[in-house]
Protein backbone atom coordinates (compact mmCIF):
# COMPACT_ATOMS: atom_id res chain seq x y z
CA MET A 1 -0.33 3.20 28.84
CA VAL A 2 2.96 4.83 28.03
CA ARG A 3 3.49 8.51 28.89
CA LYS A 4 4.81 10.73 26.16
CA GLN A 5 5.66 14.41 26.06
CA VAL A 6 5.54 16.13 22.70
CA TYR A 7 5.87 19.60 21.35
CA ILE A 8 3.02 20.98 19.22
CA THR A 9 2.39 24.39 17.69
CA SER A 10 0.06 26.92 19.39
CA GLU A 11 -2.42 26.29 16.56
CA GLN A 12 -2.25 22.53 17.05
CA ASP A 13 -2.86 23.10 20.76
CA LYS A 14 -5.97 25.17 20.08
CA LYS A 15 -7.36 22.50 17.74
CA VAL A 16 -6.70 19.68 20.27
CA LYS A 17 -8.51 21.72 22.98
CA GLU A 18 -11.43 22.46 20.57
CA TRP A 19 -11.82 18.83 19.61
CA SER A 20 -11.51 17.64 23.23
CA LYS A 21 -14.29 20.00 24.29
CA ARG A 22 -16.48 19.19 21.30
CA LEU A 23 -16.06 15.39 21.72
CA GLY A 24 -16.15 15.44 25.53
CA VAL A 25 -12.92 13.55 25.90
CA THR A 26 -9.46 14.36 27.20
CA GLU A 27 -6.85 16.03 25.09
CA ALA A 28 -4.78 12.79 25.39
CA GLU A 29 -7.70 10.82 23.93
CA VAL A 30 -7.96 13.26 20.97
CA ILE A 31 -4.28 12.58 20.22
CA ARG A 32 -4.72 8.82 20.64
CA ARG A 33 -7.66 8.91 18.20
CA GLY A 34 -5.57 10.90 15.76
CA ILE A 35 -2.88 8.26 15.88
CA GLU A 36 -5.44 5.49 15.30
CA LEU A 37 -6.99 7.39 12.45
CA ILE A 38 -3.62 7.82 10.69
CA GLN A 39 -2.82 4.08 11.23
CA GLY A 40 -6.21 3.10 9.84
CA GLU A 41 -5.71 5.22 6.73
CA ARG A 42 -2.28 3.71 6.18
CA ASP A 43 -3.60 0.15 6.60
CA SER A 44 -6.58 0.80 4.24
CA GLY A 45 -4.25 2.45 1.71
CA GLU A 46 -1.87 -0.59 1.77
CA THR A 47 -4.79 -2.92 1.48
CA ALA A 48 -6.13 -0.99 -1.52
CA ARG A 49 -2.69 -1.05 -3.29
CA LEU A 50 -2.39 -4.81 -2.72
CA ALA A 51 -5.92 -5.35 -4.09
CA ALA A 52 -5.05 -3.21 -7.15
CA TRP A 53 -1.94 -5.28 -7.81
CA ALA A 54 -3.98 -8.52 -7.38
CA ARG A 55 -6.45 -7.23 -10.03
CA ILE A 56 -3.64 -6.33 -12.40
CA ARG A 57 -2.00 -9.76 -11.92
CA ALA A 58 -5.37 -11.50 -12.55
CA MET A 59 -5.91 -9.40 -15.69
CA MET A 60 -2.42 -10.26 -16.96
CA ASP A 61 -2.91 -13.96 -16.18
CA GLU A 62 -6.20 -13.92 -18.02
CA HIS A 63 -4.63 -12.22 -21.01
CA ILE A 64 -1.88 -14.83 -21.15
CA ARG A 65 -4.29 -17.68 -20.74
CA THR A 66 -6.72 -16.43 -23.49
CA ARG A 67 -4.32 -14.91 -26.07
CA PRO A 68 -4.80 -16.13 -29.59
CA GLU A 69 -2.65 -18.89 -30.91
CA GLY A 70 0.33 -17.57 -32.84
CA SER A 71 0.03 -14.15 -31.24
CA GLY A 72 3.81 -13.96 -31.04
CA ILE A 73 3.79 -14.12 -27.29
CA ASP A 74 5.54 -17.29 -26.19
CA LYS A 75 6.15 -18.61 -22.73
CA TRP A 76 9.81 -18.90 -21.87
CA ASP A 77 12.02 -19.31 -18.86
CA ARG A 78 15.42 -17.87 -18.02
CA ASP A 79 17.33 -21.08 -18.73
CA GLU A 80 15.94 -21.20 -22.27
CA VAL A 81 16.97 -17.60 -22.98
CA TYR A 82 20.51 -18.11 -21.66
CA ALA A 83 20.92 -21.36 -23.59
CA GLU A 84 19.78 -19.68 -26.77
CA ARG A 85 22.34 -16.82 -26.24
CA LEU A 86 25.13 -19.25 -25.52
CA ASP A 87 24.26 -21.24 -28.72
CA ARG A 88 24.50 -18.02 -30.71
CA LEU A 89 27.86 -17.19 -29.22
CA GLY A 90 29.11 -20.59 -30.22
């Protein structure tokens, strides 16, 4: 364990004391649990964002794979685009 000293407001101090009494744990344990709760929310939020991006990517990949022939959406790569531009410039 690492010892930390922090400043909190009087209202926060009252809350920590209330939670400590209600939960039957030390005030330090209440603070540790609060830190863990925040970390867990952050981790789950990041996981949710990554999962959402994965779903979007899968949807886009499916759209590209199943698009109708002649839909005007062609696959290209950067080299082709630059070569085409250079040809036009002469």
